[in-house]
PDB file of N, CA and C in Angstrom:
ATOM      1  N   UNK A   1     -67.131 -66.121  29.138  1.00  0.00           N
ATOM      2  CA  UNK A   1     -65.643 -66.119  29.696  1.00  0.00           C
ATOM      3  C   UNK A   1     -64.933 -67.986  30.391  1.00  0.00           C
ATOM      4  N   UNK A   2     -66.265 -68.336  30.579  1.00  0.00           N
ATOM      5  CA  UNK A   2     -66.315 -69.571  30.841  1.00  0.00           C
ATOM      6  C   UNK A   2     -65.613 -70.728  30.299  1.00  0.00           C
ATOM      7  N   UNK A   3     -66.660 -70.273  28.725  1.00  0.00           N
ATOM      8  CA  UNK A   3     -66.219 -71.100  27.541  1.00  0.00           C
ATOM      9  C   UNK A   3     -64.688 -71.203  27.564  1.00  0.00           C
ATOM     10  N   UNK A   4     -64.107 -69.853  27.404  1.00  0.00           N
ATOM     11  CA  UNK A   4     -62.708 -70.242  26.962  1.00  0.00           C
ATOM     12  C   UNK A   4     -61.908 -70.914  27.650  1.00  0.00           C
ATOM     13  N   UNK A   5     -62.361 -70.782  28.946  1.00  0.00           N
ATOM     14  CA  UNK A   5     -61.821 -71.269  29.865  1.00  0.00           C
ATOM     15  C   UNK A   5     -61.163 -72.504  29.854  1.00  0.00           C
ATOM     16  N   UNK A   6     -62.758 -72.929  29.401  1.00  0.00           N
ATOM     17  CA  UNK A   6     -62.731 -74.524  29.017  1.00  0.00           C
ATOM     18  C   UNK A   6     -62.034 -75.034  27.644  1.00  0.00           C
ATOM     19  N   UNK A   7     -62.104 -74.343  26.493  1.00  0.00           N
ATOM     20  CA  UNK A   7     -61.586 -74.701  25.737  1.00  0.00           C
ATOM     21  C   UNK A   7     -60.040 -74.688  25.664  1.00  0.00           C
ATOM     22  N   UNK A   8     -59.821 -73.281  26.824  1.00  0.00           N
ATOM     23  CA  UNK A   8     -58.342 -73.380  27.015  1.00  0.00           C
ATOM     24  C   UNK A   8     -57.607 -74.756  27.656  1.00  0.00           C
ATOM     25  N   UNK A   9     -58.667 -75.159  28.916  1.00  0.00           N
ATOM     26  CA  UNK A   9     -58.440 -76.201  29.743  1.00  0.00           C
ATOM     27  C   UNK A   9     -57.808 -77.739  29.193  1.00  0.00           C
ATOM     28  N   UNK A  10     -59.025 -78.099  27.936  1.00  0.00           N
ATOM     29  CA  UNK A  10     -59.125 -78.991  27.125  1.00  0.00           C
ATOM     30  C   UNK A  10     -58.214 -79.121  26.034  1.00  0.00           C
ATOM     31  N   UNK A  11     -57.531 -77.763  25.594  1.00  0.00           N
ATOM     32  CA  UNK A  11     -56.396 -77.656  25.022  1.00  0.00           C
ATOM     33  C   UNK A  11     -55.055 -78.221  25.613  1.00  0.00           C
ATOM     34  N   UNK A  12     -55.329 -77.795  26.930  1.00  0.00           N
ATOM     35  CA  UNK A  12     -53.655 -78.136  27.616  1.00  0.00           C
ATOM     36  C   UNK A  12     -53.935 -79.838  28.138  1.00  0.00           C
ATOM     37  N   UNK A  13     -54.630 -80.129  28.100  1.00  0.00           N
ATOM     38  CA  UNK A  13     -55.195 -81.190  28.881  1.00  0.00           C
ATOM     39  C   UNK A  13     -54.571 -82.277  27.674  1.00  0.00           C
ATOM     40  N   UNK A  14     -54.911 -81.950  26.280  1.00  0.00           N
ATOM     41  CA  UNK A  14     -55.080 -83.157  24.884  1.00  0.00           C
ATOM     42  C   UNK A  14     -53.474 -82.842  25.077  1.00  0.00           C
ATOM     43  N   UNK A  15     -52.681 -81.643  25.391  1.00  0.00           N
ATOM     44  CA  UNK A  15     -51.258 -81.396  24.700  1.00  0.00           C
ATOM     45  C   UNK A  15     -50.670 -82.231  25.974  1.00  0.00           C
ATOM     46  N   UNK A  16     -50.905 -82.212  26.940  1.00  0.00           N
ATOM     47  CA  UNK A  16     -50.466 -82.310  28.295  1.00  0.00           C
ATOM     48  C   UNK A  16     -50.556 -84.863  28.011  1.00  0.00           C
ATOM     49  N   UNK A  17     -51.685 -84.885  27.634  1.00  0.00           N
ATOM     50  CA  UNK A  17     -51.700 -86.122  27.980  1.00  0.00           C
ATOM     51  C   UNK A  17     -51.946 -87.234  26.974  1.00  0.00           C
ATOM     52  N   UNK A  18     -51.922 -86.661  25.259  1.00  0.00           N
ATOM     53  CA  UNK A  18     -52.315 -87.428  24.354  1.00  0.00           C
ATOM     54  C   UNK A  18     -50.785 -87.301  23.093  1.00  0.00           C
ATOM     55  N   UNK A  19     -50.310 -88.150  23.103  1.00  0.00           N
ATOM     56  CA  UNK A  19     -48.878 -88.159  22.427  1.00  0.00           C
ATOM     57  C   UNK A  19     -49.347 -87.654  21.028  1.00  0.00           C
ATOM     58  N   UNK A  20     -50.534 -88.073  20.168  1.00  0.00           N
ATOM     59  CA  UNK A  20     -50.716 -88.297  18.649  1.00  0.00           C
ATOM     60  C   UNK A  20     -51.213 -86.498  18.729  1.00  0.00           C
ATOM     61  N   UNK A  21     -51.351 -86.288  19.616  1.00  0.00           N
ATOM     62  CA  UNK A  21     -52.058 -84.608  19.635  1.00  0.00           C
ATOM     63  C   UNK A  21     -50.548 -83.263  19.909  1.00  0.00           C
ATOM     64  N   UNK A  22     -49.674 -83.971  20.693  1.00  0.00           N
ATOM     65  CA  UNK A  22     -48.417 -83.257  20.729  1.00  0.00           C
ATOM     66  C   UNK A  22     -47.792 -83.263  19.448  1.00  0.00           C
ATOM     67  N   UNK A  23     -47.583 -84.335  19.281  1.00  0.00           N
ATOM     68  CA  UNK A  23     -46.934 -84.556  17.617  1.00  0.00           C
ATOM     69  C   UNK A  23     -47.471 -83.911  16.490  1.00  0.00           C
ATOM     70  N   UNK A  24     -48.822 -83.910  16.737  1.00  0.00           N
ATOM     71  CA  UNK A  24     -49.751 -82.893  15.964  1.00  0.00           C
ATOM     72  C   UNK A  24     -49.266 -81.173  15.244  1.00  0.00           C
ATOM     73  N   UNK A  25     -49.527 -81.054  16.979  1.00  0.00           N
ATOM     74  CA  UNK A  25     -49.303 -79.364  17.000  1.00  0.00           C
ATOM     75  C   UNK A  25     -47.523 -79.085  17.160  1.00  0.00           C
ATOM     76  N   UNK A  26     -46.791 -80.196  17.414  1.00  0.00           N
ATOM     77  CA  UNK A  26     -45.584 -79.743  17.128  1.00  0.00           C
ATOM     78  C   UNK A  26     -45.190 -79.541  15.958  1.00  0.00           C
ATOM     79  N   UNK A  27     -45.534 -80.842  14.783  1.00  0.00           N
ATOM     80  CA  UNK A  27     -45.461 -80.322  13.419  1.00  0.00           C
ATOM     81  C   UNK A  27     -46.484 -79.259  12.811  1.00  0.00           C
ATOM     82  N   UNK A  28     -47.192 -78.842  13.313  1.00  0.00           N
ATOM     83  CA  UNK A  28     -47.773 -77.709  12.732  1.00  0.00           C
ATOM     84  C   UNK A  28     -47.032 -76.486  12.899  1.00  0.00           C
ATOM     85  N   UNK A  29     -46.553 -76.371  14.082  1.00  0.00           N
ATOM     86  CA  UNK A  29     -45.705 -75.179  14.653  1.00  0.00           C
ATOM     87  C   UNK A  29     -43.895 -75.496  14.251  1.00  0.00           C
ATOM     88  N   UNK A  30     -43.386 -76.938  14.321  1.00  0.00           N
ATOM     89  CA  UNK A  30     -42.094 -76.662  14.269  1.00  0.00           C
ATOM     90  C   UNK A  30     -41.575 -77.014  13.085  1.00  0.00           C
ATOM     91  N   UNK A  31     -42.244 -78.405  12.954  1.00  0.00           N
ATOM     92  CA  UNK A  31     -41.838 -79.355  11.742  1.00  0.00           C
ATOM     93  C   UNK A  31     -41.739 -78.725  10.440  1.00  0.00           C
ATOM     94  N   UNK A  32     -42.355 -77.783  10.039  1.00  0.00           N
ATOM     95  CA  UNK A  32     -42.287 -77.481   8.235  1.00  0.00           C
ATOM     96  C   UNK A  32     -41.256 -76.822   8.520  1.00  0.00           C
ATOM     97  N   UNK A  33     -40.594 -75.954   9.418  1.00  0.00           N
ATOM     98  CA  UNK A  33     -39.440 -74.956   9.239  1.00  0.00           C
ATOM     99  C   UNK A  33     -38.478 -76.352   9.783  1.00  0.00           C
ATOM    100  N   UNK A  34     -38.087 -76.854  10.020  1.00  0.00           N
ATOM    101  CA  UNK A  34     -37.156 -78.334  10.264  1.00  0.00           C
ATOM    102  C   UNK A  34     -36.366 -78.679   9.265  1.00  0.00           C
ATOM    103  N   UNK A  35     -38.166 -79.421   8.230  1.00  0.00           N
ATOM    104  CA  UNK A  35     -38.178 -79.584   6.979  1.00  0.00           C
ATOM    105  C   UNK A  35     -37.204 -78.700   5.655  1.00  0.00           C
ATOM    106  N   UNK A  36     -38.275 -77.378   5.845  1.00  0.00           N
ATOM    107  CA  UNK A  36     -37.020 -76.566   5.006  1.00  0.00           C
ATOM    108  C   UNK A  36     -35.786 -75.910   5.485  1.00  0.00           C
ATOM    109  N   UNK A  37     -35.361 -76.179   6.772  1.00  0.00           N
ATOM    110  CA  UNK A  37     -34.187 -75.779   6.957  1.00  0.00           C
ATOM    111  C   UNK A  37     -32.946 -76.904   6.666  1.00  0.00           C
ATOM    112  N   UNK A  38     -33.805 -78.379   6.812  1.00  0.00           N
ATOM    113  CA  UNK A  38     -32.624 -79.686   6.360  1.00  0.00           C
ATOM    114  C   UNK A  38     -32.398 -79.564   4.965  1.00  0.00           C
ATOM    115  N   UNK A  39     -33.559 -79.156   3.953  1.00  0.00           N
ATOM    116  CA  UNK A  39     -33.422 -79.236   2.622  1.00  0.00           C
ATOM    117  C   UNK A  39     -32.191 -78.091   2.168  1.00  0.00           C
ATOM    118  N   UNK A  40     -32.679 -76.488   2.969  1.00  0.00           N
ATOM    119  CA  UNK A  40     -31.514 -75.820   2.842  1.00  0.00           C
ATOM    120  C   UNK A  40     -30.028 -76.272   2.931  1.00  0.00           C
ATOM    121  N   UNK A  41     -29.713 -76.884   4.064  1.00  0.00           N
ATOM    122  CA  UNK A  41     -28.826 -77.551   4.367  1.00  0.00           C
ATOM    123  C   UNK A  41     -28.083 -78.264   3.137  1.00  0.00           C
ATOM    124  N   UNK A  42     -28.972 -79.625   2.721  1.00  0.00           N
ATOM    125  CA  UNK A  42     -28.551 -80.074   1.876  1.00  0.00           C
ATOM    126  C   UNK A  42     -27.995 -80.032   0.383  1.00  0.00           C
ATOM    127  N   UNK A  43     -29.057 -78.849   0.177  1.00  0.00           N
ATOM    128  CA  UNK A  43     -28.653 -78.369  -1.144  1.00  0.00           C
ATOM    129  C   UNK A  43     -27.452 -77.608  -1.107  1.00  0.00           C
ATOM    130  N   UNK A  44     -27.232 -77.062   0.219  1.00  0.00           N
ATOM    131  CA  UNK A  44     -25.943 -76.474  -0.045  1.00  0.00           C
ATOM    132  C   UNK A  44     -24.515 -76.839  -0.131  1.00  0.00           C
ATOM    133  N   UNK A  45     -24.615 -78.342   1.004  1.00  0.00           N
ATOM    134  CA  UNK A  45     -23.942 -79.356   1.062  1.00  0.00           C
ATOM    135  C   UNK A  45     -23.499 -79.818  -0.119  1.00  0.00           C
ATOM    136  N   UNK A  46     -24.570 -80.154  -1.012  1.00  0.00           N
ATOM    137  CA  UNK A  46     -24.478 -80.805  -2.807  1.00  0.00           C
ATOM    138  C   UNK A  46     -23.597 -79.474  -3.177  1.00  0.00           C
ATOM    139  N   UNK A  47     -24.202 -77.709  -3.297  1.00  0.00           N
ATOM    140  CA  UNK A  47     -23.829 -77.120  -3.980  1.00  0.00           C
ATOM    141  C   UNK A  47     -21.880 -77.506  -3.094  1.00  0.00           C
ATOM    142  N   UNK A  48     -21.617 -77.390  -2.271  1.00  0.00           N
ATOM    143  CA  UNK A  48     -20.142 -77.468  -1.544  1.00  0.00           C
ATOM    144  C   UNK A  48     -19.475 -78.776  -2.474  1.00  0.00           C
ATOM    145  N   UNK A  49     -20.094 -79.718  -2.450  1.00  0.00           N
ATOM    146  CA  UNK A  49     -19.481 -80.723  -3.124  1.00  0.00           C
ATOM    147  C   UNK A  49     -19.166 -80.533  -4.462  1.00  0.00           C
ATOM    148  N   UNK A  50     -19.937 -79.702  -5.097  1.00  0.00           N
ATOM    149  CA  UNK A  50     -19.811 -79.561  -6.888  1.00  0.00           C
ATOM    150  C   UNK A  50     -18.635 -78.866  -6.930  1.00  0.00           C
ATOM    151  N   UNK A  51     -18.567 -77.605  -5.755  1.00  0.00           N
ATOM    152  CA  UNK A  51     -17.508 -77.122  -6.337  1.00  0.00           C
ATOM    153  C   UNK A  51     -16.161 -77.586  -5.881  1.00  0.00           C
ATOM    154  N   UNK A  52     -15.949 -78.030  -4.913  1.00  0.00           N
ATOM    155  CA  UNK A  52     -14.699 -78.831  -4.409  1.00  0.00           C
ATOM    156  C   UNK A  52     -14.463 -80.282  -5.437  1.00  0.00           C
ATOM    157  N   UNK A  53     -15.405 -80.441  -5.847  1.00  0.00           N
ATOM    158  CA  UNK A  53     -14.629 -81.471  -7.010  1.00  0.00           C
ATOM    159  C   UNK A  53     -14.366 -83.000  -6.597  1.00  0.00           C
ATOM    160  N   UNK A  54     -14.321 -83.031  -5.257  1.00  0.00           N
ATOM    161  CA  UNK A  54     -14.319 -84.159  -4.950  1.00  0.00           C
ATOM    162  C   UNK A  54     -15.107 -85.624  -4.992  1.00  0.00           C
ATOM    163  N   UNK A  55     -14.736 -86.745  -5.442  1.00  0.00           N
ATOM    164  CA  UNK A  55     -15.321 -87.387  -5.807  1.00  0.00           C
ATOM    165  C   UNK A  55     -14.482 -89.306  -5.524  1.00  0.00           C
ATOM    166  N   UNK A  56     -16.146 -89.928  -4.452  1.00  0.00           N
ATOM    167  CA  UNK A  56     -14.887 -90.825  -3.942  1.00  0.00           C
ATOM    168  C   UNK A  56     -15.644 -91.978  -4.476  1.00  0.00           C
ATOM    169  N   UNK A  57     -15.197 -93.125  -5.429  1.00  0.00           N
ATOM    170  CA  UNK A  57     -15.179 -94.444  -5.944  1.00  0.00           C
ATOM    171  C   UNK A  57     -15.655 -95.267  -4.834  1.00  0.00           C
ATOM    172  N   UNK A  58     -16.599 -96.235  -5.357  1.00  0.00           N
ATOM    173  CA  UNK A  58     -16.519 -97.111  -4.325  1.00  0.00           C
ATOM    174  C   UNK A  58     -15.750 -98.182  -4.855  1.00  0.00           C
ATOM    175  N   UNK A  59     -15.125 -99.117  -4.164  1.00  0.00           N
ATOM    176  CA  UNK A  59     -14.833-100.120  -4.349  1.00  0.00           C
ATOM    177  C   UNK A  59     -15.603-101.718  -4.509  1.00  0.00           C
ATOM    178  N   UNK A  60     -15.307-101.917  -5.795  1.00  0.00           N
ATOM    179  CA  UNK A  60     -16.443-102.895  -6.784  1.00  0.00           C
ATOM    180  C   UNK A  60     -16.825-104.225  -5.559  1.00  0.00           C
ATOM    181  N   UNK A  61     -17.830-104.390  -5.572  1.00  0.00           N
ATOM    182  CA  UNK A  61     -17.719-105.835  -4.658  1.00  0.00           C
ATOM    183  C   UNK A  61     -16.546-107.157  -5.212  1.00  0.00           C
ATOM    184  N   UNK A  62     -16.319-108.150  -4.594  1.00  0.00           N
ATOM    185  CA  UNK A  62     -15.805-108.973  -4.778  1.00  0.00           C
ATOM    186  C   UNK A  62     -16.780-110.481  -5.537  1.00  0.00           C
ATOM    187  N   UNK A  63     -16.276-110.850  -7.042  1.00  0.00           N
ATOM    188  CA  UNK A  63     -17.378-111.390  -7.606  1.00  0.00           C
ATOM    189  C   UNK A  63     -16.557-112.752  -7.514  1.00  0.00           C
ATOM    190  N   UNK A  64     -16.309-113.230  -6.310  1.00  0.00           N
ATOM    191  CA  UNK A  64     -16.401-115.111  -6.394  1.00  0.00           C
ATOM    192  C   UNK A  64     -14.666-114.914  -6.024  1.00  0.00           C
ATOM    193  N   UNK A  65     -14.255-114.207  -6.214  1.00  0.00           N
ATOM    194  CA  UNK A  65     -12.561-114.246  -6.319  1.00  0.00           C
ATOM    195  C   UNK A  65     -12.147-114.393  -5.040  1.00  0.00           C
ATOM    196  N   UNK A  66     -11.585-116.020  -4.735  1.00  0.00           N
ATOM    197  CA  UNK A  66     -10.747-115.876  -3.570  1.00  0.00           C
ATOM    198  C   UNK A  66      -9.691-114.888  -3.408  1.00  0.00           C
ATOM    199  N   UNK A  67      -9.580-114.148  -2.043  1.00  0.00           N
ATOM    200  CA  UNK A  67      -8.548-113.695  -1.370  1.00  0.00           C
ATOM    201  C   UNK A  67      -7.287-114.814  -1.189  1.00  0.00           C
ATOM    202  N   UNK A  68      -6.114-113.753  -0.981  1.00  0.00           N
ATOM    203  CA  UNK A  68      -5.274-114.763  -0.886  1.00  0.00           C
ATOM    204  C   UNK A  68      -5.162-114.978   0.368  1.00  0.00           C
ATOM    205  N   UNK A  69      -6.152-114.192   1.395  1.00  0.00           N
ATOM    206  CA  UNK A  69      -5.815-114.445   2.999  1.00  0.00           C
ATOM    207  C   UNK A  69      -6.461-115.755   3.630  1.00  0.00           C
ATOM    208  N   UNK A  70      -5.745-116.276   4.336  1.00  0.00           N
ATOM    209  CA  UNK A  70      -6.164-117.619   4.757  1.00  0.00           C
ATOM    210  C   UNK A  70      -6.510-117.906   6.081  1.00  0.00           C
ATOM    211  N   UNK A  71      -6.508-116.384   6.713  1.00  0.00           N
ATOM    212  CA  UNK A  71      -6.372-116.724   8.174  1.00  0.00           C
ATOM    213  C   UNK A  71      -5.102-116.233   9.075  1.00  0.00           C
ATOM    214  N   UNK A  72      -5.598-115.936  10.275  1.00  0.00           N
ATOM    215  CA  UNK A  72      -4.457-115.480  10.683  1.00  0.00           C
ATOM    216  C   UNK A  72      -3.875-116.343  11.375  1.00  0.00           C
ATOM    217  N   UNK A  73      -2.620-115.916  12.302  1.00  0.00           N
ATOM    218  CA  UNK A  73      -2.232-117.399  13.024  1.00  0.00           C
ATOM    219  C   UNK A  73      -2.696-117.273  14.518  1.00  0.00           C
ATOM    220  N   UNK A  74      -2.411-118.284  15.367  1.00  0.00           N
ATOM    221  CA  UNK A  74      -2.609-118.549  16.386  1.00  0.00           C
ATOM    222  C   UNK A  74      -2.291-118.280  17.349  1.00  0.00           C
ATOM    223  N   UNK A  75      -2.920-117.586  18.345  1.00  0.00           N
ATOM    224  CA  UNK A  75      -1.846-116.681  19.451  1.00  0.00           C
ATOM    225  C   UNK A  75      -1.789-117.277  20.857  1.00  0.00           C
ATOM    226  N   UNK A  76      -1.308-117.576  21.533  1.00  0.00           N
ATOM    227  CA  UNK A  76      -1.156-118.519  22.860  1.00  0.00           C
ATOM    228  C   UNK A  76      -1.536-117.416  24.035  1.00  0.00           C
ATOM    229  N   UNK A  77      -2.731-117.687  24.683  1.00  0.00           N
ATOM    230  CA  UNK A  77      -2.486-116.769  25.641  1.00  0.00           C
ATOM    231  C   UNK A  77      -2.836-117.442  27.332  1.00  0.00           C
ATOM    232  N   UNK A  78      -2.332-116.580  28.036  1.00  0.00           N
ATOM    233  CA  UNK A  78      -2.901-117.171  29.406  1.00  0.00           C
ATOM    234  C   UNK A  78      -4.015-115.953  30.083  1.00  0.00           C
ATOM    235  N   UNK A  79      -4.634-116.713  30.883  1.00  0.00           N
ATOM    236  CA  UNK A  79      -5.855-116.279  31.689  1.00  0.00           C
ATOM    237  C   UNK A  79      -5.626-115.684  32.787  1.00  0.00           C
ATOM    238  N   UNK A  80      -5.969-114.309  32.986  1.00  0.00           N
ATOM    239  CA  UNK A  80      -4.894-113.918  34.195  1.00  0.00           C
ATOM    240  C   UNK A  80      -6.755-113.587  35.181  1.00  0.00           C
ATOM    241  N   UNK A  81      -6.679-113.817  36.497  1.00  0.00           N
ATOM    242  CA  UNK A  81      -7.996-113.642  36.686  1.00  0.00           C
ATOM    243  C   UNK A  81      -7.793-113.115  38.144  1.00  0.00           C
TER     244      UNK A  81
END
């Protein structure tokens, strides 16, 4: 009985004070389920996009062409204290 108590005590101390061990236990308990749920949501989102047919075209980058915009006007201002 004392051996079981010591093992449980050591386990709890490791969880409380060792971040690496805490992350490992969290990954074992919850991490896999989170990853599966994220993948399921991503697939559902992709299917929704495929059904709606919405596509967004990216604007191509400006290839060295200068725009007509040369800058803005100077606006006077008064500093208020």
